[in-house]
Each structure stands twice: as C-alpha cells, then as structure tokens.
C-alpha cells in the first residue's frame, strides 16, 4: 500500500511541478498583462493544488492530511477568485489588452468597445 501511495504522490509531484514550470515560462513569454495573469492563475491553482495533493499522500498522520486538504480547498476556492479580481481591477483602470493576430495595442476606437460602464 505504501508503494501505491508513493507512486501516486510522485506522479502528482511531477505533474504539479510541470504546471508550475510551464506557468513560469508563460509569465515570462506571454505578451500582455491578461495572458500573463492567466498563466500565473493556472500555476497558482493547478500547480500548487497538485503538489498539495501529493503531500497528502505522503503525510504520516491523519491530522496533517486534514490540514493539507483544508489548504487545498482554500487555494482551490480563493485563487481563481483573486485572479478574476485582479483582471477586473486592471480592466476597470483601463489596462489595454493586446488585440488581433499581430498583438497591436488597441486604438481609441477599439478601446471604446472595451470601456466598462460608468457607475454612479
């Protein structure tokens, strides 16, 4: 049984590490704020959660497993919400996304299409 848990946990460690590394490359290579934010959000959510699940299989006692599972649930719920909040704040403050296949900055006409509604 320990061998099975070791195999599962090492698979999860490798998968989580791969997502973290791929996300780090995405943060460096992607051209604008919104695509980089997406890469960071995937890294934060999926990479960290897979590594936490791997630690659950390596934990020796029940209370440690419960604590790791609670951290897993917390990150699973809060990370996408925080990524969305950051993207919304950038959108409201008029951070322009790069558009089209050549990734040019939005012109004034294109920017008007992305204007959020004014709130009173």
N, C-alpha and C. Protein backbone atom coordinates (compact mmCIF):
# COMPACT_ATOMS: atom_id res chain seq x y z
N UNK A 1 0.83 -1.20 0.00
CA UNK A 1 0.00 0.00 0.00
C UNK A 1 0.86 1.26 0.00
N UNK A 2 1.97 1.22 0.74
CA UNK A 2 2.88 2.37 0.76
C UNK A 2 3.47 2.62 -0.62
N UNK A 3 3.76 1.56 -1.35
CA UNK A 3 4.31 1.72 -2.70
C UNK A 3 3.30 2.40 -3.61
N UNK A 4 2.05 2.04 -3.50
CA UNK A 4 1.00 2.68 -4.31
C UNK A 4 0.88 4.16 -3.98
N UNK A 5 0.89 4.50 -2.69
CA UNK A 5 0.82 5.91 -2.29
C UNK A 5 2.05 6.68 -2.77
N UNK A 6 3.22 6.05 -2.75
CA UNK A 6 4.43 6.70 -3.24
C UNK A 6 4.34 6.97 -4.74
N UNK A 7 3.84 6.00 -5.49
CA UNK A 7 3.72 6.17 -6.94
C UNK A 7 2.73 7.30 -7.25
N UNK A 8 1.58 7.30 -6.57
CA UNK A 8 0.59 8.35 -6.80
C UNK A 8 1.15 9.72 -6.43
N UNK A 9 1.79 9.80 -5.27
CA UNK A 9 2.30 11.10 -4.82
C UNK A 9 3.41 11.61 -5.73
N UNK A 10 4.29 10.74 -6.19
CA UNK A 10 5.35 11.22 -7.08
C UNK A 10 4.79 11.63 -8.43
N UNK A 11 3.75 10.95 -8.90
CA UNK A 11 3.09 11.39 -10.13
C UNK A 11 2.48 12.78 -9.96
N UNK A 12 1.85 13.01 -8.81
CA UNK A 12 1.27 14.32 -8.54
C UNK A 12 2.34 15.39 -8.37
N UNK A 13 3.45 15.04 -7.71
CA UNK A 13 4.57 15.99 -7.57
C UNK A 13 5.11 16.39 -8.94
N UNK A 14 5.29 15.42 -9.81
CA UNK A 14 5.83 15.70 -11.14
C UNK A 14 4.85 16.54 -11.95
N UNK A 15 3.58 16.18 -11.90
CA UNK A 15 2.57 16.94 -12.65
C UNK A 15 2.46 18.37 -12.12
N UNK A 16 2.44 18.53 -10.80
CA UNK A 16 2.38 19.87 -10.21
C UNK A 16 3.60 20.70 -10.54
N UNK A 17 4.76 20.08 -10.49
CA UNK A 17 5.99 20.80 -10.84
C UNK A 17 6.00 21.19 -12.31
N UNK A 18 5.48 20.32 -13.16
CA UNK A 18 5.41 20.65 -14.59
C UNK A 18 4.49 21.85 -14.82
N UNK A 19 3.34 21.88 -14.14
CA UNK A 19 2.44 23.02 -14.30
C UNK A 19 3.08 24.30 -13.78
N UNK A 20 3.82 24.22 -12.69
CA UNK A 20 4.49 25.42 -12.16
C UNK A 20 5.55 25.91 -13.14
N UNK A 21 6.33 25.00 -13.70
CA UNK A 21 7.37 25.41 -14.65
C UNK A 21 6.77 25.96 -15.94
N UNK A 22 5.73 25.31 -16.46
CA UNK A 22 5.09 25.80 -17.68
C UNK A 22 4.44 27.16 -17.42
N UNK A 23 3.84 27.34 -16.27
CA UNK A 23 3.25 28.63 -15.93
C UNK A 23 4.29 29.72 -15.80
N UNK A 24 5.46 29.38 -15.25
CA UNK A 24 6.54 30.37 -15.13
C UNK A 24 7.03 30.79 -16.50
N UNK A 25 7.15 29.84 -17.41
CA UNK A 25 7.53 30.18 -18.78
C UNK A 25 6.47 31.06 -19.43
N UNK A 26 5.20 30.75 -19.16
CA UNK A 26 4.12 31.57 -19.70
C UNK A 26 4.14 32.99 -19.17
N UNK A 27 4.44 33.15 -17.90
CA UNK A 27 4.52 34.50 -17.33
C UNK A 27 5.63 35.30 -17.99
N UNK A 28 6.71 34.65 -18.32
CA UNK A 28 7.83 35.34 -18.96
C UNK A 28 7.56 35.60 -20.44
N UNK A 29 6.97 34.64 -21.14
CA UNK A 29 6.87 34.72 -22.59
C UNK A 29 5.61 35.39 -23.13
N UNK A 30 4.51 35.37 -22.39
CA UNK A 30 3.26 35.91 -22.93
C UNK A 30 3.37 37.42 -23.08
N UNK A 31 2.65 37.99 -24.06
CA UNK A 31 2.90 39.39 -24.44
C UNK A 31 2.23 40.46 -23.59
N UNK A 32 1.08 40.20 -22.99
CA UNK A 32 0.42 41.28 -22.27
C UNK A 32 -0.03 40.84 -20.89
N UNK A 33 -0.59 41.79 -20.17
CA UNK A 33 -0.95 41.57 -18.77
C UNK A 33 -1.95 40.44 -18.59
N UNK A 34 -2.98 40.41 -19.41
CA UNK A 34 -4.06 39.45 -19.22
C UNK A 34 -3.63 38.01 -19.50
N UNK A 35 -2.82 37.81 -20.51
CA UNK A 35 -2.35 36.45 -20.78
C UNK A 35 -1.34 36.01 -19.72
N UNK A 36 -0.54 36.93 -19.25
CA UNK A 36 0.38 36.58 -18.15
C UNK A 36 -0.37 36.27 -16.87
N UNK A 37 -1.44 37.00 -16.63
CA UNK A 37 -2.27 36.74 -15.46
C UNK A 37 -2.90 35.36 -15.54
N UNK A 38 -3.31 34.96 -16.73
CA UNK A 38 -3.86 33.62 -16.92
C UNK A 38 -2.82 32.55 -16.59
N UNK A 39 -1.60 32.74 -17.08
CA UNK A 39 -0.54 31.78 -16.79
C UNK A 39 -0.25 31.71 -15.30
N UNK A 40 -0.23 32.85 -14.65
CA UNK A 40 0.02 32.87 -13.21
C UNK A 40 -1.12 32.22 -12.43
N UNK A 41 -2.35 32.43 -12.88
CA UNK A 41 -3.50 31.83 -12.21
C UNK A 41 -3.52 30.33 -12.33
N UNK A 42 -3.18 29.81 -13.50
CA UNK A 42 -3.12 28.35 -13.68
C UNK A 42 -2.01 27.77 -12.82
N UNK A 43 -0.87 28.45 -12.81
CA UNK A 43 0.24 27.98 -11.99
C UNK A 43 -0.14 27.95 -10.52
N UNK A 44 -0.76 29.01 -10.07
CA UNK A 44 -1.13 29.12 -8.66
C UNK A 44 -2.16 28.07 -8.27
N UNK A 45 -3.16 27.88 -9.10
CA UNK A 45 -4.24 26.96 -8.75
C UNK A 45 -3.85 25.51 -8.97
N UNK A 46 -3.57 25.17 -10.21
CA UNK A 46 -3.37 23.77 -10.54
C UNK A 46 -2.04 23.23 -10.03
N UNK A 47 -0.97 23.99 -10.22
CA UNK A 47 0.35 23.52 -9.78
C UNK A 47 0.42 23.34 -8.27
N UNK A 48 -0.02 24.34 -7.54
CA UNK A 48 0.03 24.27 -6.08
C UNK A 48 -0.90 23.19 -5.54
N UNK A 49 -2.07 23.05 -6.14
CA UNK A 49 -3.02 22.04 -5.66
C UNK A 49 -2.53 20.62 -5.92
N UNK A 50 -1.91 20.38 -7.06
CA UNK A 50 -1.37 19.04 -7.30
C UNK A 50 -0.24 18.71 -6.34
N UNK A 51 0.58 19.69 -6.04
CA UNK A 51 1.67 19.45 -5.08
C UNK A 51 1.10 19.21 -3.69
N UNK A 52 0.06 19.95 -3.32
CA UNK A 52 -0.58 19.72 -2.02
C UNK A 52 -1.22 18.34 -1.94
N UNK A 53 -1.85 17.89 -3.01
CA UNK A 53 -2.41 16.53 -3.01
C UNK A 53 -1.32 15.48 -2.87
N UNK A 54 -0.19 15.72 -3.52
CA UNK A 54 0.94 14.79 -3.37
C UNK A 54 1.41 14.73 -1.92
N UNK A 55 1.41 15.87 -1.26
CA UNK A 55 1.81 15.89 0.16
C UNK A 55 0.81 15.17 1.04
N UNK A 56 -0.47 15.20 0.64
CA UNK A 56 -1.49 14.46 1.40
C UNK A 56 -1.15 12.97 1.40
N UNK A 57 -0.74 12.44 0.25
CA UNK A 57 -0.39 11.02 0.18
C UNK A 57 0.90 10.70 0.94
N UNK A 58 1.75 11.68 1.15
CA UNK A 58 2.99 11.46 1.89
C UNK A 58 2.85 11.73 3.39
N UNK A 59 1.75 12.35 3.78
CA UNK A 59 1.57 12.69 5.20
C UNK A 59 1.46 11.42 6.03
N UNK A 60 2.04 11.48 7.20
CA UNK A 60 2.05 10.30 8.06
C UNK A 60 0.81 10.15 8.92
N UNK A 61 0.29 11.23 9.43
CA UNK A 61 -0.84 11.11 10.35
C UNK A 61 -2.09 11.80 9.79
N UNK A 62 -3.20 11.50 10.40
CA UNK A 62 -4.50 11.96 9.91
C UNK A 62 -4.65 13.47 10.01
N UNK A 63 -4.21 14.07 11.11
CA UNK A 63 -4.41 15.49 11.31
C UNK A 63 -3.63 16.32 10.28
N UNK A 64 -2.45 15.84 9.89
CA UNK A 64 -1.68 16.51 8.85
C UNK A 64 -2.39 16.42 7.51
N UNK A 65 -2.99 15.26 7.24
CA UNK A 65 -3.75 15.11 5.99
C UNK A 65 -4.94 16.06 5.95
N UNK A 66 -5.62 16.20 7.06
CA UNK A 66 -6.78 17.09 7.12
C UNK A 66 -6.34 18.54 6.90
N UNK A 67 -5.25 18.93 7.52
CA UNK A 67 -4.75 20.30 7.35
C UNK A 67 -4.36 20.57 5.90
N UNK A 68 -3.68 19.61 5.28
CA UNK A 68 -3.30 19.78 3.89
C UNK A 68 -4.52 19.84 2.97
N UNK A 69 -5.52 19.04 3.26
CA UNK A 69 -6.75 19.08 2.46
C UNK A 69 -7.50 20.40 2.64
N UNK A 70 -7.47 20.95 3.84
CA UNK A 70 -8.10 22.26 4.06
C UNK A 70 -7.37 23.36 3.30
N UNK A 71 -6.04 23.29 3.27
CA UNK A 71 -5.26 24.26 2.49
C UNK A 71 -5.57 24.08 1.00
N UNK A 72 -5.67 22.83 0.56
CA UNK A 72 -6.03 22.52 -0.83
C UNK A 72 -7.36 23.16 -1.20
N UNK A 73 -8.37 22.99 -0.37
CA UNK A 73 -9.70 23.55 -0.64
C UNK A 73 -9.65 25.08 -0.63
N UNK A 74 -8.90 25.64 0.32
CA UNK A 74 -8.78 27.10 0.40
C UNK A 74 -8.17 27.67 -0.88
N UNK A 75 -7.08 27.08 -1.35
CA UNK A 75 -6.43 27.57 -2.56
C UNK A 75 -7.33 27.34 -3.77
N UNK A 76 -8.01 26.20 -3.81
CA UNK A 76 -8.90 25.90 -4.93
C UNK A 76 -10.02 26.92 -5.04
N UNK A 77 -10.51 27.42 -3.91
CA UNK A 77 -11.60 28.38 -3.93
C UNK A 77 -11.14 29.83 -4.10
N UNK A 78 -10.02 30.19 -3.51
CA UNK A 78 -9.62 31.60 -3.49
C UNK A 78 -8.74 32.02 -4.65
N UNK A 79 -7.96 31.13 -5.21
CA UNK A 79 -7.04 31.52 -6.27
C UNK A 79 -7.75 31.99 -7.54
N UNK A 80 -8.74 31.26 -8.06
CA UNK A 80 -9.44 31.79 -9.24
C UNK A 80 -10.19 33.09 -8.97
N UNK A 81 -10.72 33.22 -7.77
CA UNK A 81 -11.44 34.45 -7.43
C UNK A 81 -10.48 35.63 -7.39
N UNK A 82 -9.31 35.44 -6.80
CA UNK A 82 -8.35 36.54 -6.74
C UNK A 82 -7.80 36.88 -8.12
N UNK A 83 -7.60 35.88 -8.97
CA UNK A 83 -7.15 36.15 -10.33
C UNK A 83 -8.21 36.96 -11.09
N UNK A 84 -9.45 36.59 -10.93
CA UNK A 84 -10.54 37.34 -11.57
C UNK A 84 -10.61 38.77 -11.03
N UNK A 85 -10.43 38.94 -9.73
CA UNK A 85 -10.48 40.29 -9.14
C UNK A 85 -9.35 41.16 -9.67
N UNK A 86 -8.18 40.60 -9.83
CA UNK A 86 -7.05 41.36 -10.37
C UNK A 86 -7.32 41.74 -11.82
N UNK A 87 -7.85 40.80 -12.61
CA UNK A 87 -8.16 41.10 -14.01
C UNK A 87 -9.25 42.16 -14.11
N UNK A 88 -10.25 42.08 -13.26
CA UNK A 88 -11.32 43.08 -13.28
C UNK A 88 -10.79 44.45 -12.88
N UNK A 89 -9.93 44.50 -11.87
CA UNK A 89 -9.34 45.78 -11.46
C UNK A 89 -8.50 46.38 -12.58
N UNK A 90 -7.78 45.54 -13.30
CA UNK A 90 -6.99 46.05 -14.43
C UNK A 90 -7.90 46.55 -15.54
N UNK A 91 -8.98 45.85 -15.78
CA UNK A 91 -9.93 46.27 -16.82
C UNK A 91 -10.59 47.59 -16.47
N UNK A 92 -10.96 47.75 -15.22
CA UNK A 92 -11.62 48.99 -14.78
C UNK A 92 -10.65 50.16 -14.85
N UNK A 93 -9.39 49.93 -14.56
CA UNK A 93 -8.39 51.01 -14.63
C UNK A 93 -7.84 51.18 -16.04
N UNK A 94 -8.48 50.53 -17.01
CA UNK A 94 -8.19 50.70 -18.43
C UNK A 94 -6.81 50.20 -18.85
N UNK A 95 -6.40 49.08 -18.30
CA UNK A 95 -5.21 48.41 -18.82
C UNK A 95 -5.64 47.77 -20.13
N UNK A 96 -5.01 48.18 -21.22
CA UNK A 96 -5.45 47.74 -22.54
C UNK A 96 -4.86 46.37 -22.88
N UNK A 97 -5.70 45.46 -23.34
CA UNK A 97 -5.16 44.18 -23.83
C UNK A 97 -4.61 44.36 -25.24
N UNK A 98 -3.67 43.50 -25.59
CA UNK A 98 -3.19 43.50 -26.97
C UNK A 98 -4.18 42.69 -27.80
N UNK A 99 -4.51 43.20 -28.97
CA UNK A 99 -5.54 42.60 -29.80
C UNK A 99 -4.98 42.12 -31.13
N UNK A 100 -5.74 41.27 -31.80
CA UNK A 100 -5.51 40.80 -33.15
C UNK A 100 -4.34 39.82 -33.22
N UNK A 101 -4.10 39.30 -34.42
CA UNK A 101 -3.05 38.30 -34.60
C UNK A 101 -1.66 38.90 -34.47
N UNK A 102 -1.50 40.19 -34.73
CA UNK A 102 -0.18 40.81 -34.59
C UNK A 102 0.01 41.45 -33.21
N UNK A 103 -0.98 41.33 -32.35
CA UNK A 103 -0.92 41.81 -30.97
C UNK A 103 -0.54 43.28 -30.88
N UNK A 104 -1.23 44.12 -31.63
CA UNK A 104 -1.01 45.56 -31.52
C UNK A 104 -1.82 46.10 -30.33
N UNK A 105 -1.43 47.24 -29.84
CA UNK A 105 -2.19 47.85 -28.77
C UNK A 105 -3.48 48.42 -29.34
N UNK A 106 -4.51 48.39 -28.56
CA UNK A 106 -5.83 48.82 -29.02
C UNK A 106 -5.81 50.30 -29.38
N UNK A 107 -6.48 50.63 -30.49
CA UNK A 107 -6.63 52.02 -30.89
C UNK A 107 -7.75 52.64 -30.06
N UNK A 108 -7.96 53.93 -30.25
CA UNK A 108 -9.00 54.62 -29.47
C UNK A 108 -10.38 54.05 -29.78
N UNK A 109 -10.65 53.71 -31.06
CA UNK A 109 -11.95 53.14 -31.41
C UNK A 109 -12.12 51.75 -30.80
N UNK A 110 -11.08 50.95 -30.85
CA UNK A 110 -11.15 49.61 -30.26
C UNK A 110 -11.28 49.69 -28.75
N UNK A 111 -10.62 50.69 -28.17
CA UNK A 111 -10.67 50.84 -26.72
C UNK A 111 -12.07 51.20 -26.24
N UNK A 112 -12.81 51.97 -27.04
CA UNK A 112 -14.18 52.33 -26.67
C UNK A 112 -15.07 51.11 -26.55
N UNK A 113 -14.80 50.10 -27.33
CA UNK A 113 -15.59 48.87 -27.28
C UNK A 113 -15.36 48.13 -25.97
N UNK A 114 -14.23 48.36 -25.33
CA UNK A 114 -13.90 47.67 -24.09
C UNK A 114 -14.11 48.53 -22.84
N UNK A 115 -14.73 49.69 -22.99
CA UNK A 115 -14.94 50.57 -21.85
C UNK A 115 -15.98 49.99 -20.91
N UNK A 116 -15.69 49.91 -19.63
CA UNK A 116 -16.73 49.47 -18.68
C UNK A 116 -17.76 50.57 -18.49
N UNK A 117 -18.94 50.17 -18.07
CA UNK A 117 -20.00 51.15 -17.84
C UNK A 117 -19.64 52.04 -16.66
N UNK A 118 -20.02 53.30 -16.77
CA UNK A 118 -19.80 54.24 -15.67
C UNK A 118 -20.80 53.96 -14.56
N UNK A 119 -20.33 53.93 -13.34
CA UNK A 119 -21.21 53.69 -12.19
C UNK A 119 -21.35 54.96 -11.40
N UNK A 120 -22.51 55.15 -10.86
CA UNK A 120 -22.79 56.37 -10.08
C UNK A 120 -22.46 56.14 -8.63
